[in-house]
Amino acid sequence: VQLQASGGGLVQAGGSLRLSCAASGRTFSTYNMGWFRQAPGNERELVAAIKWSSGSTYYSDSVKGRFTISRDNAKNMMYLQMNSLKPEDTAVYYCAADSRPYRVTVTTRMNDYDYWGQGTHVTVSS
């Protein structure tokens, strides 16, 4: 499977960005998906995840209420709408696919995601 993340850039604090993740090579609609980020010197962290059926989502406390994850299974696409951006949101953002199809619950464990996109840079200036 190949994942291609895009949509990053430079934005002022308080602004918005929409990240996209294009998937190919696997039955996208049967896998939970997640958005991770990694800031310089920090570990990679999960910020949002969505179930294969779009029935449930997960958000980290740091982005809850500001970010919205969504997916379009017909287009093999996943999105992350990021509003009210803060300088601490600056990071490389990665999309990732769960290793197991039809997982009942959205997993927050990074080791459960086995395919990763190349990352897209998000820089939020103060």
PDB file of N, CA and C in Angstrom:
ATOM      1  N   VAL A   1       0.851  -1.176   0.000  1.00  0.00           N
ATOM      2  CA  VAL A   1       0.000   0.000   0.000  1.00  0.00           C
ATOM      3  C   VAL A   1       0.893   1.234   0.000  1.00  0.00           C
ATOM      4  N   GLN A   2       0.431   2.251  -0.685  1.00  0.00           N
ATOM      5  CA  GLN A   2       1.152   3.524  -0.710  1.00  0.00           C
ATOM      6  C   GLN A   2       0.258   4.621  -0.167  1.00  0.00           C
ATOM      7  N   LEU A   3       0.843   5.446   0.682  1.00  0.00           N
ATOM      8  CA  LEU A   3       0.129   6.572   1.259  1.00  0.00           C
ATOM      9  C   LEU A   3       0.877   7.842   0.904  1.00  0.00           C
ATOM     10  N   GLN A   4       0.166   8.838   0.457  1.00  0.00           N
ATOM     11  CA  GLN A   4       0.764  10.106   0.049  1.00  0.00           C
ATOM     12  C   GLN A   4       0.067  11.233   0.796  1.00  0.00           C
ATOM     13  N   ALA A   5       0.802  11.857   1.714  1.00  0.00           N
ATOM     14  CA  ALA A   5       0.258  12.975   2.475  1.00  0.00           C
ATOM     15  C   ALA A   5       0.605  14.283   1.785  1.00  0.00           C
ATOM     16  N   SER A   6      -0.304  15.237   1.862  1.00  0.00           N
ATOM     17  CA  SER A   6      -0.075  16.547   1.273  1.00  0.00           C
ATOM     18  C   SER A   6      -0.895  17.592   2.019  1.00  0.00           C
ATOM     19  N   GLY A   7      -0.628  18.856   1.685  1.00  0.00           N
ATOM     20  CA  GLY A   7      -1.412  19.937   2.265  1.00  0.00           C
ATOM     21  C   GLY A   7      -0.724  20.742   3.345  1.00  0.00           C
ATOM     22  N   GLY A   8       0.469  20.347   3.725  1.00  0.00           N
ATOM     23  CA  GLY A   8       1.186  21.097   4.738  1.00  0.00           C
ATOM     24  C   GLY A   8       1.652  22.445   4.212  1.00  0.00           C
ATOM     25  N   GLY A   9       2.172  23.261   5.118  1.00  0.00           N
ATOM     26  CA  GLY A   9       2.671  24.567   4.728  1.00  0.00           C
ATOM     27  C   GLY A   9       2.919  25.443   5.927  1.00  0.00           C
ATOM     28  N   LEU A  10       3.108  26.713   5.631  1.00  0.00           N
ATOM     29  CA  LEU A  10       3.356  27.717   6.670  1.00  0.00           C
ATOM     30  C   LEU A  10       2.080  28.520   6.887  1.00  0.00           C
ATOM     31  N   VAL A  11       1.678  28.652   8.144  1.00  0.00           N
ATOM     32  CA  VAL A  11       0.454  29.374   8.466  1.00  0.00           C
ATOM     33  C   VAL A  11       0.667  30.120   9.775  1.00  0.00           C
ATOM     34  N   GLN A  12      -0.024  31.229   9.919  1.00  0.00           N
ATOM     35  CA  GLN A  12       0.064  31.987  11.165  1.00  0.00           C
ATOM     36  C   GLN A  12      -0.804  31.348  12.234  1.00  0.00           C
ATOM     37  N   ALA A  13      -0.450  31.579  13.467  1.00  0.00           N
ATOM     38  CA  ALA A  13      -1.249  31.081  14.577  1.00  0.00           C
ATOM     39  C   ALA A  13      -2.691  31.555  14.434  1.00  0.00           C
ATOM     40  N   GLY A  14      -3.607  30.641  14.690  1.00  0.00           N
ATOM     41  CA  GLY A  14      -5.020  30.939  14.526  1.00  0.00           C
ATOM     42  C   GLY A  14      -5.565  30.558  13.163  1.00  0.00           C
ATOM     43  N   GLY A  15      -4.680  30.245  12.244  1.00  0.00           N
ATOM     44  CA  GLY A  15      -5.084  29.889  10.906  1.00  0.00           C
ATOM     45  C   GLY A  15      -5.490  28.431  10.772  1.00  0.00           C
ATOM     46  N   SER A  16      -5.757  28.040   9.531  1.00  0.00           N
ATOM     47  CA  SER A  16      -6.238  26.683   9.251  1.00  0.00           C
ATOM     48  C   SER A  16      -5.458  26.061   8.102  1.00  0.00           C
ATOM     49  N   LEU A  17      -5.383  24.758   8.134  1.00  0.00           N
ATOM     50  CA  LEU A  17      -4.839  23.958   7.041  1.00  0.00           C
ATOM     51  C   LEU A  17      -5.655  22.691   6.925  1.00  0.00           C
ATOM     52  N   ARG A  18      -5.686  22.142   5.717  1.00  0.00           N
ATOM     53  CA  ARG A  18      -6.336  20.849   5.509  1.00  0.00           C
ATOM     54  C   ARG A  18      -5.330  19.889   4.900  1.00  0.00           C
ATOM     55  N   LEU A  19      -5.033  18.843   5.628  1.00  0.00           N
ATOM     56  CA  LEU A  19      -4.133  17.811   5.128  1.00  0.00           C
ATOM     57  C   LEU A  19      -4.935  16.733   4.412  1.00  0.00           C
ATOM     58  N   SER A  20      -4.336  16.166   3.390  1.00  0.00           N
ATOM     59  CA  SER A  20      -4.951  15.074   2.651  1.00  0.00           C
ATOM     60  C   SER A  20      -4.008  13.882   2.619  1.00  0.00           C
ATOM     61  N   CYS A  21      -4.578  12.704   2.562  1.00  0.00           N
ATOM     62  CA  CYS A  21      -3.805  11.478   2.448  1.00  0.00           C
ATOM     63  C   CYS A  21      -4.455  10.620   1.374  1.00  0.00           C
ATOM     64  N   ALA A  22      -3.719  10.378   0.311  1.00  0.00           N
ATOM     65  CA  ALA A  22      -4.210   9.534  -0.781  1.00  0.00           C
ATOM     66  C   ALA A  22      -3.649   8.126  -0.616  1.00  0.00           C
ATOM     67  N   ALA A  23      -4.511   7.133  -0.700  1.00  0.00           N
ATOM     68  CA  ALA A  23      -4.108   5.744  -0.500  1.00  0.00           C
ATOM     69  C   ALA A  23      -4.292   4.941  -1.779  1.00  0.00           C
ATOM     70  N   SER A  24      -3.395   3.996  -1.987  1.00  0.00           N
ATOM     71  CA  SER A  24      -3.522   3.104  -3.134  1.00  0.00           C
ATOM     72  C   SER A  24      -2.905   1.764  -2.770  1.00  0.00           C
ATOM     73  N   GLY A  25      -3.314   0.708  -3.480  1.00  0.00           N
ATOM     74  CA  GLY A  25      -2.669  -0.589  -3.341  1.00  0.00           C
ATOM     75  C   GLY A  25      -3.273  -1.515  -2.315  1.00  0.00           C
ATOM     76  N   ARG A  26      -4.249  -1.080  -1.560  1.00  0.00           N
ATOM     77  CA  ARG A  26      -4.901  -1.955  -0.591  1.00  0.00           C
ATOM     78  C   ARG A  26      -6.352  -1.509  -0.492  1.00  0.00           C
ATOM     79  N   THR A  27      -7.186  -2.372   0.034  1.00  0.00           N
ATOM     80  CA  THR A  27      -8.599  -2.017   0.166  1.00  0.00           C
ATOM     81  C   THR A  27      -8.735  -0.998   1.286  1.00  0.00           C
ATOM     82  N   PHE A  28      -8.612   0.257   0.915  1.00  0.00           N
ATOM     83  CA  PHE A  28      -8.567   1.361   1.865  1.00  0.00           C
ATOM     84  C   PHE A  28      -9.757   1.334   2.809  1.00  0.00           C
ATOM     85  N   SER A  29     -10.921   1.020   2.274  1.00  0.00           N
ATOM     86  CA  SER A  29     -12.153   1.141   3.044  1.00  0.00           C
ATOM     87  C   SER A  29     -12.270   0.145   4.180  1.00  0.00           C
ATOM     88  N   THR A  30     -11.379  -0.823   4.264  1.00  0.00           N
ATOM     89  CA  THR A  30     -11.478  -1.836   5.315  1.00  0.00           C
ATOM     90  C   THR A  30     -10.502  -1.614   6.466  1.00  0.00           C
ATOM     91  N   TYR A  31      -9.724  -0.530   6.410  1.00  0.00           N
ATOM     92  CA  TYR A  31      -8.691  -0.289   7.422  1.00  0.00           C
ATOM     93  C   TYR A  31      -8.913   1.022   8.160  1.00  0.00           C
ATOM     94  N   ASN A  32      -8.741   0.958   9.471  1.00  0.00           N
ATOM     95  CA  ASN A  32      -8.690   2.193  10.245  1.00  0.00           C
ATOM     96  C   ASN A  32      -7.454   2.976   9.827  1.00  0.00           C
ATOM     97  N   MET A  33      -7.566   4.294   9.941  1.00  0.00           N
ATOM     98  CA  MET A  33      -6.472   5.167   9.518  1.00  0.00           C
ATOM     99  C   MET A  33      -6.168   6.177  10.609  1.00  0.00           C
ATOM    100  N   GLY A  34      -4.943   6.682  10.585  1.00  0.00           N
ATOM    101  CA  GLY A  34      -4.572   7.661  11.595  1.00  0.00           C
ATOM    102  C   GLY A  34      -3.660   8.743  11.040  1.00  0.00           C
ATOM    103  N   TRP A  35      -3.672   9.876  11.746  1.00  0.00           N
ATOM    104  CA  TRP A  35      -2.731  10.968  11.495  1.00  0.00           C
ATOM    105  C   TRP A  35      -1.807  11.056  12.707  1.00  0.00           C
ATOM    106  N   PHE A  36      -0.522  10.993  12.465  1.00  0.00           N
ATOM    107  CA  PHE A  36       0.493  11.156  13.490  1.00  0.00           C
ATOM    108  C   PHE A  36       1.276  12.431  13.195  1.00  0.00           C
ATOM    109  N   ARG A  37       1.989  12.909  14.191  1.00  0.00           N
ATOM    110  CA  ARG A  37       2.894  14.031  13.965  1.00  0.00           C
ATOM    111  C   ARG A  37       4.155  13.851  14.798  1.00  0.00           C
ATOM    112  N   GLN A  38       5.218  14.454  14.309  1.00  0.00           N
ATOM    113  CA  GLN A  38       6.487  14.405  15.023  1.00  0.00           C
ATOM    114  C   GLN A  38       7.169  15.746  14.915  1.00  0.00           C
ATOM    115  N   ALA A  39       7.354  16.375  16.069  1.00  0.00           N
ATOM    116  CA  ALA A  39       8.071  17.641  16.138  1.00  0.00           C
ATOM    117  C   ALA A  39       9.548  17.357  16.409  1.00  0.00           C
ATOM    118  N   PRO A  40      10.429  18.272  16.023  1.00  0.00           N
ATOM    119  CA  PRO A  40      11.872  18.048  16.258  1.00  0.00           C
ATOM    120  C   PRO A  40      12.161  17.753  17.725  1.00  0.00           C
ATOM    121  N   GLY A  41      12.876  16.663  17.960  1.00  0.00           N
ATOM    122  CA  GLY A  41      13.245  16.292  19.309  1.00  0.00           C
ATOM    123  C   GLY A  41      12.175  15.554  20.075  1.00  0.00           C
ATOM    124  N   ASN A  42      11.018  15.379  19.455  1.00  0.00           N
ATOM    125  CA  ASN A  42       9.901  14.695  20.131  1.00  0.00           C
ATOM    126  C   ASN A  42       9.618  13.343  19.497  1.00  0.00           C
ATOM    127  N   GLU A  43       8.926  12.513  20.252  1.00  0.00           N
ATOM    128  CA  GLU A  43       8.492  11.235  19.702  1.00  0.00           C
ATOM    129  C   GLU A  43       7.276  11.462  18.791  1.00  0.00           C
ATOM    130  N   ARG A  44       7.083  10.514  17.877  1.00  0.00           N
ATOM    131  CA  ARG A  44       5.913  10.572  17.024  1.00  0.00           C
ATOM    132  C   ARG A  44       4.680  10.283  17.866  1.00  0.00           C
ATOM    133  N   GLU A  45       3.629  11.055  17.666  1.00  0.00           N
ATOM    134  CA  GLU A  45       2.417  10.882  18.447  1.00  0.00           C
ATOM    135  C   GLU A  45       1.190  10.838  17.545  1.00  0.00           C
ATOM    136  N   LEU A  46       0.207  10.096  17.998  1.00  0.00           N
ATOM    137  CA  LEU A  46      -1.066  10.019  17.286  1.00  0.00           C
ATOM    138  C   LEU A  46      -1.899  11.237  17.645  1.00  0.00           C
ATOM    139  N   VAL A  47      -2.394  11.936  16.645  1.00  0.00           N
ATOM    140  CA  VAL A  47      -3.255  13.081  16.923  1.00  0.00           C
ATOM    141  C   VAL A  47      -4.719  12.783  16.607  1.00  0.00           C
ATOM    142  N   ALA A  48      -4.973  11.923  15.623  1.00  0.00           N
ATOM    143  CA  ALA A  48      -6.352  11.606  15.273  1.00  0.00           C
ATOM    144  C   ALA A  48      -6.402  10.281  14.535  1.00  0.00           C
ATOM    145  N   ALA A  49      -7.500   9.580  14.694  1.00  0.00           N
ATOM    146  CA  ALA A  49      -7.686   8.313  13.991  1.00  0.00           C
ATOM    147  C   ALA A  49      -9.164   8.137  13.683  1.00  0.00           C
ATOM    148  N   ILE A  50      -9.420   7.341  12.650  1.00  0.00           N
ATOM    149  CA  ILE A  50     -10.804   7.141  12.219  1.00  0.00           C
ATOM    150  C   ILE A  50     -11.003   5.680  11.832  1.00  0.00           C
ATOM    151  N   LYS A  51     -12.134   5.163  12.221  1.00  0.00           N
ATOM    152  CA  LYS A  51     -12.475   3.781  11.918  1.00  0.00           C
ATOM    153  C   LYS A  51     -12.742   3.601  10.433  1.00  0.00           C
ATOM    154  N   TRP A  52     -12.573   2.365   9.953  1.00  0.00           N
ATOM    155  CA  TRP A  52     -12.743   2.065   8.537  1.00  0.00           C
ATOM    156  C   TRP A  52     -14.117   2.476   8.027  1.00  0.00           C
ATOM    157  N   SER A  53     -15.122   2.393   8.906  1.00  0.00           N
ATOM    158  CA  SER A  53     -16.485   2.728   8.518  1.00  0.00           C
ATOM    159  C   SER A  53     -16.842   4.174   8.821  1.00  0.00           C
ATOM    160  N   SER A  54     -15.862   4.945   9.300  1.00  0.00           N
ATOM    161  CA  SER A  54     -16.091   6.334   9.733  1.00  0.00           C
ATOM    162  C   SER A  54     -17.021   6.415  10.929  1.00  0.00           C
ATOM    163  N   GLY A  55     -17.295   5.260  11.568  1.00  0.00           N
ATOM    164  CA  GLY A  55     -18.238   5.253  12.671  1.00  0.00           C
ATOM    165  C   GLY A  55     -17.706   5.827  13.961  1.00  0.00           C
ATOM    166  N   SER A  56     -16.408   5.851  14.127  1.00  0.00           N
ATOM    167  CA  SER A  56     -15.856   6.413  15.358  1.00  0.00           C
ATOM    168  C   SER A  56     -14.516   7.057  15.074  1.00  0.00           C
ATOM    169  N   THR A  57     -14.169   8.001  15.905  1.00  0.00           N
ATOM    170  CA  THR A  57     -12.920   8.732  15.748  1.00  0.00           C
ATOM    171  C   THR A  57     -12.233   8.861  17.093  1.00  0.00           C
ATOM    172  N   TYR A  58     -10.943   9.190  17.027  1.00  0.00           N
ATOM    173  CA  TYR A  58     -10.148   9.454  18.230  1.00  0.00           C
ATOM    174  C   TYR A  58      -9.378  10.743  17.999  1.00  0.00           C
ATOM    175  N   TYR A  59      -9.273  11.553  19.046  1.00  0.00           N
ATOM    176  CA  TYR A  59      -8.448  12.762  19.007  1.00  0.00           C
ATOM    177  C   TYR A  59      -7.607  12.832  20.276  1.00  0.00           C
ATOM    178  N   SER A  60      -6.382  13.250  20.123  1.00  0.00           N
ATOM    179  CA  SER A  60      -5.575  13.489  21.317  1.00  0.00           C
ATOM    180  C   SER A  60      -6.103  14.748  22.010  1.00  0.00           C
ATOM    181  N   ASP A  61      -5.838  14.845  23.273  1.00  0.00           N
ATOM    182  CA  ASP A  61      -6.324  15.991  24.038  1.00  0.00           C
ATOM    183  C   ASP A  61      -5.795  17.311  23.479  1.00  0.00           C
ATOM    184  N   SER A  62      -4.613  17.275  22.916  1.00  0.00           N
ATOM    185  CA  SER A  62      -3.979  18.510  22.446  1.00  0.00           C
ATOM    186  C   SER A  62      -4.662  19.096  21.215  1.00  0.00           C
ATOM    187  N   VAL A  63      -5.435  18.289  20.496  1.00  0.00           N
ATOM    188  CA  VAL A  63      -6.066  18.790  19.256  1.00  0.00           C
ATOM    189  C   VAL A  63      -7.581  18.715  19.301  1.00  0.00           C
ATOM    190  N   LYS A  64      -8.117  18.111  20.339  1.00  0.00           N
ATOM    191  CA  LYS A  64      -9.570  17.930  20.437  1.00  0.00           C
ATOM    192  C   LYS A  64     -10.275  19.275  20.377  1.00  0.00           C
ATOM    193  N   GLY A  65     -11.289  19.353  19.530  1.00  0.00           N
ATOM    194  CA  GLY A  65     -12.034  20.591  19.381  1.00  0.00           C
ATOM    195  C   GLY A  65     -11.479  21.512  18.316  1.00  0.00           C
ATOM    196  N   ARG A  66     -10.261  21.222  17.839  1.00  0.00           N
ATOM    197  CA  ARG A  66      -9.646  22.069  16.805  1.00  0.00           C
ATOM    198  C   ARG A  66      -9.435  21.315  15.499  1.00  0.00           C
ATOM    199  N   PHE A  67      -9.156  20.034  15.584  1.00  0.00           N
ATOM    200  CA  PHE A  67      -8.888  19.216  14.404  1.00  0.00           C
ATOM    201  C   PHE A  67     -10.082  18.294  14.145  1.00  0.00           C
ATOM    202  N   THR A  68     -10.310  17.999  12.860  1.00  0.00           N
ATOM    203  CA  THR A  68     -11.362  17.071  12.471  1.00  0.00           C
ATOM    204  C   THR A  68     -10.817  16.102  11.435  1.00  0.00           C
ATOM    205  N   ILE A  69     -10.924  14.816  11.739  1.00  0.00           N
ATOM    206  CA  ILE A  69     -10.489  13.788  10.808  1.00  0.00           C
ATOM    207  C   ILE A  69     -11.704  13.272  10.051  1.00  0.00           C
ATOM    208  N   SER A  70     -11.489  12.981   8.777  1.00  0.00           N
ATOM    209  CA  SER A  70     -12.576  12.432   7.961  1.00  0.00           C
ATOM    210  C   SER A  70     -11.962  11.581   6.862  1.00  0.00           C
ATOM    211  N   ARG A  71     -12.805  10.830   6.195  1.00  0.00           N
ATOM    212  CA  ARG A  71     -12.336   9.988   5.099  1.00  0.00           C
ATOM    213  C   ARG A  71     -13.426   9.862   4.054  1.00  0.00           C
ATOM    214  N   ASP A  72     -13.000   9.610   2.827  1.00  0.00           N
ATOM    215  CA  ASP A  72     -13.904   9.359   1.713  1.00  0.00           C
ATOM    216  C   ASP A  72     -13.466   8.037   1.100  1.00  0.00           C
ATOM    217  N   ASN A  73     -14.122   6.964   1.480  1.00  0.00           N
ATOM    218  CA  ASN A  73     -13.701   5.634   1.029  1.00  0.00           C
ATOM    219  C   ASN A  73     -13.871   5.472  -0.482  1.00  0.00           C
ATOM    220  N   ALA A  74     -14.815   6.156  -1.061  1.00  0.00           N
ATOM    221  CA  ALA A  74     -15.021   6.048  -2.502  1.00  0.00           C
ATOM    222  C   ALA A  74     -13.833   6.632  -3.277  1.00  0.00           C
ATOM    223  N   LYS A  75     -13.132   7.585  -2.662  1.00  0.00           N
ATOM    224  CA  LYS A  75     -11.993   8.235  -3.313  1.00  0.00           C
ATOM    225  C   LYS A  75     -10.653   7.770  -2.747  1.00  0.00           C
ATOM    226  N   ASN A  76     -10.688   6.839  -1.775  1.00  0.00           N
ATOM    227  CA  ASN A  76      -9.455   6.387  -1.114  1.00  0.00           C
ATOM    228  C   ASN A  76      -8.675   7.572  -0.525  1.00  0.00           C
ATOM    229  N   MET A  77      -9.390   8.442   0.147  1.00  0.00           N
ATOM    230  CA  MET A  77      -8.785   9.649   0.698  1.00  0.00           C
ATOM    231  C   MET A  77      -9.124   9.792   2.175  1.00  0.00           C
ATOM    232  N   MET A  78      -8.175  10.380   2.908  1.00  0.00           N
ATOM    233  CA  MET A  78      -8.399  10.743   4.300  1.00  0.00           C
ATOM    234  C   MET A  78      -7.962  12.195   4.459  1.00  0.00           C
ATOM    235  N   TYR A  79      -8.595  12.892   5.383  1.00  0.00           N
ATOM    236  CA  TYR A  79      -8.328  14.310   5.559  1.00  0.00           C
ATOM    237  C   TYR A  79      -8.138  14.643   7.040  1.00  0.00           C
ATOM    238  N   LEU A  80      -7.436  15.742   7.266  1.00  0.00           N
ATOM    239  CA  LEU A  80      -7.332  16.299   8.610  1.00  0.00           C
ATOM    240  C   LEU A  80      -7.514  17.803   8.485  1.00  0.00           C
ATOM    241  N   GLN A  81      -8.662  18.279   8.917  1.00  0.00           N
ATOM    242  CA  GLN A  81      -8.921  19.707   8.942  1.00  0.00           C
ATOM    243  C   GLN A  81      -8.386  20.257  10.258  1.00  0.00           C
ATOM    244  N   MET A  82      -7.467  21.205  10.156  1.00  0.00           N
ATOM    245  CA  MET A  82      -6.822  21.757  11.343  1.00  0.00           C
ATOM    246  C   MET A  82      -7.171  23.233  11.452  1.00  0.00           C
ATOM    247  N   ASN A  83      -7.888  23.577  12.493  1.00  0.00           N
ATOM    248  CA  ASN A  83      -8.294  24.954  12.742  1.00  0.00           C
ATOM    249  C   ASN A  83      -7.634  25.469  14.011  1.00  0.00           C
ATOM    250  N   SER A  84      -7.664  26.777  14.170  1.00  0.00           N
ATOM    251  CA  SER A  84      -7.100  27.419  15.369  1.00  0.00           C
ATOM    252  C   SER A  84      -5.697  26.896  15.658  1.00  0.00           C
ATOM    253  N   LEU A  85      -4.883  26.880  14.639  1.00  0.00           N
ATOM    254  CA  LEU A  85      -3.550  26.307  14.778  1.00  0.00           C
ATOM    255  C   LEU A  85      -2.685  27.107  15.737  1.00  0.00           C
ATOM    256  N   LYS A  86      -1.840  26.379  16.452  1.00  0.00           N
ATOM    257  CA  LYS A  86      -0.950  26.963  17.444  1.00  0.00           C
ATOM    258  C   LYS A  86       0.500  26.662  17.052  1.00  0.00           C
ATOM    259  N   PRO A  87       1.451  27.456  17.505  1.00  0.00           N
ATOM    260  CA  PRO A  87       2.859  27.160  17.203  1.00  0.00           C
ATOM    261  C   PRO A  87       3.262  25.750  17.636  1.00  0.00           C
ATOM    262  N   GLU A  88       2.669  25.237  18.696  1.00  0.00           N
ATOM    263  CA  GLU A  88       3.013  23.898  19.158  1.00  0.00           C
ATOM    264  C   GLU A  88       2.467  22.790  18.256  1.00  0.00           C
ATOM    265  N   ASP A  89       1.674  23.155  17.252  1.00  0.00           N
ATOM    266  CA  ASP A  89       1.231  22.177  16.257  1.00  0.00           C
ATOM    267  C   ASP A  89       2.273  21.974  15.160  1.00  0.00           C
ATOM    268  N   THR A  90       3.327  22.768  15.185  1.00  0.00           N
ATOM    269  CA  THR A  90       4.387  22.644  14.193  1.00  0.00           C
ATOM    270  C   THR A  90       5.026  21.254  14.282  1.00  0.00           C
ATOM    271  N   ALA A  91       5.042  20.555  13.152  1.00  0.00           N
ATOM    272  CA  ALA A  91       5.553  19.176  13.132  1.00  0.00           C
ATOM    273  C   ALA A  91       5.480  18.651  11.705  1.00  0.00           C
ATOM    274  N   VAL A  92       6.062  17.489  11.513  1.00  0.00           N
ATOM    275  CA  VAL A  92       5.821  16.723  10.292  1.00  0.00           C
ATOM    276  C   VAL A  92       4.633  15.810  10.576  1.00  0.00           C
ATOM    277  N   TYR A  93       3.649  15.865   9.703  1.00  0.00           N
ATOM    278  CA  TYR A  93       2.429  15.078   9.875  1.00  0.00           C
ATOM    279  C   TYR A  93       2.461  13.891   8.917  1.00  0.00           C
ATOM    280  N   TYR A  94       2.143  12.724   9.470  1.00  0.00           N
ATOM    281  CA  TYR A  94       2.163  11.475   8.708  1.00  0.00           C
ATOM    282  C   TYR A  94       0.779  10.833   8.747  1.00  0.00           C
ATOM    283  N   CYS A  95       0.363  10.283   7.619  1.00  0.00           N
ATOM    284  CA  CYS A  95      -0.821   9.435   7.646  1.00  0.00           C
ATOM    285  C   CYS A  95      -0.359   7.977   7.699  1.00  0.00           C
ATOM    286  N   ALA A  96      -1.174   7.154   8.313  1.00  0.00           N
ATOM    287  CA  ALA A  96      -0.801   5.760   8.517  1.00  0.00           C
ATOM    288  C   ALA A  96      -2.034   4.874   8.464  1.00  0.00           C
ATOM    289  N   ALA A  97      -1.806   3.623   8.069  1.00  0.00           N
ATOM    290  CA  ALA A  97      -2.889   2.656   7.956  1.00  0.00           C
ATOM    291  C   ALA A  97      -2.705   1.535   8.974  1.00  0.00           C
ATOM    292  N   ASP A  98      -3.801   1.149   9.589  1.00  0.00           N
ATOM    293  CA  ASP A  98      -3.810   0.031  10.545  1.00  0.00           C
ATOM    294  C   ASP A  98      -3.340  -1.238   9.851  1.00  0.00           C
ATOM    295  N   SER A  99      -2.705  -2.117  10.599  1.00  0.00           N
ATOM    296  CA  SER A  99      -2.197  -3.365  10.030  1.00  0.00           C
ATOM    297  C   SER A  99      -3.281  -4.424   9.866  1.00  0.00           C
ATOM    298  N   ARG A 100      -4.424  -4.220  10.517  1.00  0.00           N
ATOM    299  CA  ARG A 100      -5.458  -5.251  10.531  1.00  0.00           C
ATOM    300  C   ARG A 100      -6.749  -4.698   9.955  1.00  0.00           C
ATOM    301  N   PRO A 101      -7.358  -5.405   9.008  1.00  0.00           N
ATOM    302  CA  PRO A 101      -8.628  -4.927   8.450  1.00  0.00           C
ATOM    303  C   PRO A 101      -9.784  -5.118   9.427  1.00  0.00           C
ATOM    304  N   TYR A 102     -10.744  -4.244   9.303  1.00  0.00           N
ATOM    305  CA  TYR A 102     -11.987  -4.343  10.089  1.00  0.00           C
ATOM    306  C   TYR A 102     -11.748  -4.391  11.593  1.00  0.00           C
ATOM    307  N   ARG A 103     -10.688  -3.750  12.075  1.00  0.00           N
ATOM    308  CA  ARG A 103     -10.474  -3.711  13.526  1.00  0.00           C
ATOM    309  C   ARG A 103     -11.677  -3.026  14.157  1.00  0.00           C
ATOM    310  N   VAL A 104     -12.199  -3.623  15.222  1.00  0.00           N
ATOM    311  CA  VAL A 104     -13.463  -3.147  15.791  1.00  0.00           C
ATOM    312  C   VAL A 104     -13.321  -1.762  16.403  1.00  0.00           C
ATOM    313  N   THR A 105     -12.199  -1.539  17.070  1.00  0.00           N
ATOM    314  CA  THR A 105     -11.996  -0.240  17.720  1.00  0.00           C
ATOM    315  C   THR A 105     -10.800   0.467  17.098  1.00  0.00           C
ATOM    316  N   VAL A 106     -10.821   1.777  17.175  1.00  0.00           N
ATOM    317  CA  VAL A 106      -9.694   2.564  16.693  1.00  0.00           C
ATOM    318  C   VAL A 106      -8.539   2.401  17.665  1.00  0.00           C
ATOM    319  N   THR A 107      -7.392   1.993  17.166  1.00  0.00           N
ATOM    320  CA  THR A 107      -6.251   1.770  18.037  1.00  0.00           C
ATOM    321  C   THR A 107      -5.378   3.025  18.130  1.00  0.00           C
ATOM    322  N   THR A 108      -4.837   3.254  19.309  1.00  0.00           N
ATOM    323  CA  THR A 108      -3.948   4.396  19.508  1.00  0.00           C
ATOM    324  C   THR A 108      -2.482   3.978  19.561  1.00  0.00           C
ATOM    325  N   ARG A 109      -2.219   2.694  19.413  1.00  0.00           N
ATOM    326  CA  ARG A 109      -0.850   2.185  19.503  1.00  0.00           C
ATOM    327  C   ARG A 109      -0.150   2.349  18.165  1.00  0.00           C
ATOM    328  N   MET A 110       0.973   3.030  18.143  1.00  0.00           N
ATOM    329  CA  MET A 110       1.690   3.270  16.906  1.00  0.00           C
ATOM    330  C   MET A 110       2.102   1.962  16.244  1.00  0.00           C
ATOM    331  N   ASN A 111       2.428   0.945  17.017  1.00  0.00           N
ATOM    332  CA  ASN A 111       2.856  -0.333  16.452  1.00  0.00           C
ATOM    333  C   ASN A 111       1.745  -1.060  15.704  1.00  0.00           C
ATOM    334  N   ASP A 112       0.513  -0.628  15.891  1.00  0.00           N
ATOM    335  CA  ASP A 112      -0.598  -1.249  15.175  1.00  0.00           C
ATOM    336  C   ASP A 112      -0.769  -0.672  13.767  1.00  0.00           C
ATOM    337  N   TYR A 113       0.012   0.344  13.438  1.00  0.00           N
ATOM    338  CA  TYR A 113      -0.048   0.943  12.102  1.00  0.00           C
ATOM    339  C   TYR A 113       1.189   0.500  11.333  1.00  0.00           C
ATOM    340  N   ASP A 114       0.982  -0.083  10.179  1.00  0.00           N
ATOM    341  CA  ASP A 114       2.122  -0.681   9.492  1.00  0.00           C
ATOM    342  C   ASP A 114       2.479  -0.029   8.171  1.00  0.00           C
ATOM    343  N   TYR A 115       1.672   0.869   7.684  1.00  0.00           N
ATOM    344  CA  TYR A 115       1.997   1.583   6.454  1.00  0.00           C
ATOM    345  C   TYR A 115       1.950   3.082   6.729  1.00  0.00           C
ATOM    346  N   TRP A 116       2.973   3.766   6.222  1.00  0.00           N
ATOM    347  CA  TRP A 116       3.134   5.182   6.529  1.00  0.00           C
ATOM    348  C   TRP A 116       3.365   5.987   5.259  1.00  0.00           C
ATOM    349  N   GLY A 117       2.786   7.172   5.242  1.00  0.00           N
ATOM    350  CA  GLY A 117       3.098   8.110   4.169  1.00  0.00           C
ATOM    351  C   GLY A 117       4.418   8.795   4.446  1.00  0.00           C
ATOM    352  N   GLN A 118       4.850   9.648   3.526  1.00  0.00           N
ATOM    353  CA  GLN A 118       6.171  10.269   3.616  1.00  0.00           C
ATOM    354  C   GLN A 118       6.191  11.490   4.529  1.00  0.00           C
ATOM    355  N   GLY A 119       5.065  11.997   4.940  1.00  0.00           N
ATOM    356  CA  GLY A 119       5.028  13.146   5.832  1.00  0.00           C
ATOM    357  C   GLY A 119       4.889  14.458   5.084  1.00  0.00           C
ATOM    358  N   THR A 120       4.188  15.374   5.713  1.00  0.00           N
ATOM    359  CA  THR A 120       4.043  16.720   5.166  1.00  0.00           C
ATOM    360  C   THR A 120       4.296  17.708   6.305  1.00  0.00           C
ATOM    361  N   HIS A 121       5.071  18.759   6.011  1.00  0.00           N
ATOM    362  CA  HIS A 121       5.502  19.680   7.038  1.00  0.00           C
ATOM    363  C   HIS A 121       4.431  20.731   7.309  1.00  0.00           C
ATOM    364  N   VAL A 122       4.165  20.955   8.581  1.00  0.00           N
ATOM    365  CA  VAL A 122       3.268  22.020   9.009  1.00  0.00           C
ATOM    366  C   VAL A 122       4.057  22.936   9.940  1.00  0.00           C
ATOM    367  N   THR A 123       4.097  24.214   9.589  1.00  0.00           N
ATOM    368  CA  THR A 123       4.781  25.201  10.419  1.00  0.00           C
ATOM    369  C   THR A 123       3.797  26.296  10.782  1.00  0.00           C
ATOM    370  N   VAL A 124       3.632  26.519  12.079  1.00  0.00           N
ATOM    371  CA  VAL A 124       2.713  27.546  12.567  1.00  0.00           C
ATOM    372  C   VAL A 124       3.543  28.640  13.227  1.00  0.00           C
ATOM    373  N   SER A 125       3.463  29.819  12.668  1.00  0.00           N
ATOM    374  CA  SER A 125       4.247  30.937  13.205  1.00  0.00           C
ATOM    375  C   SER A 125       3.417  31.724  14.218  1.00  0.00           C
ATOM    376  N   SER A 126       4.108  32.266  15.191  1.00  0.00           N
ATOM    377  CA  SER A 126       3.403  33.016  16.246  1.00  0.00           C
ATOM    378  C   SER A 126       3.262  34.483  15.885  1.00  0.00           C
TER     379      SER A 126
END
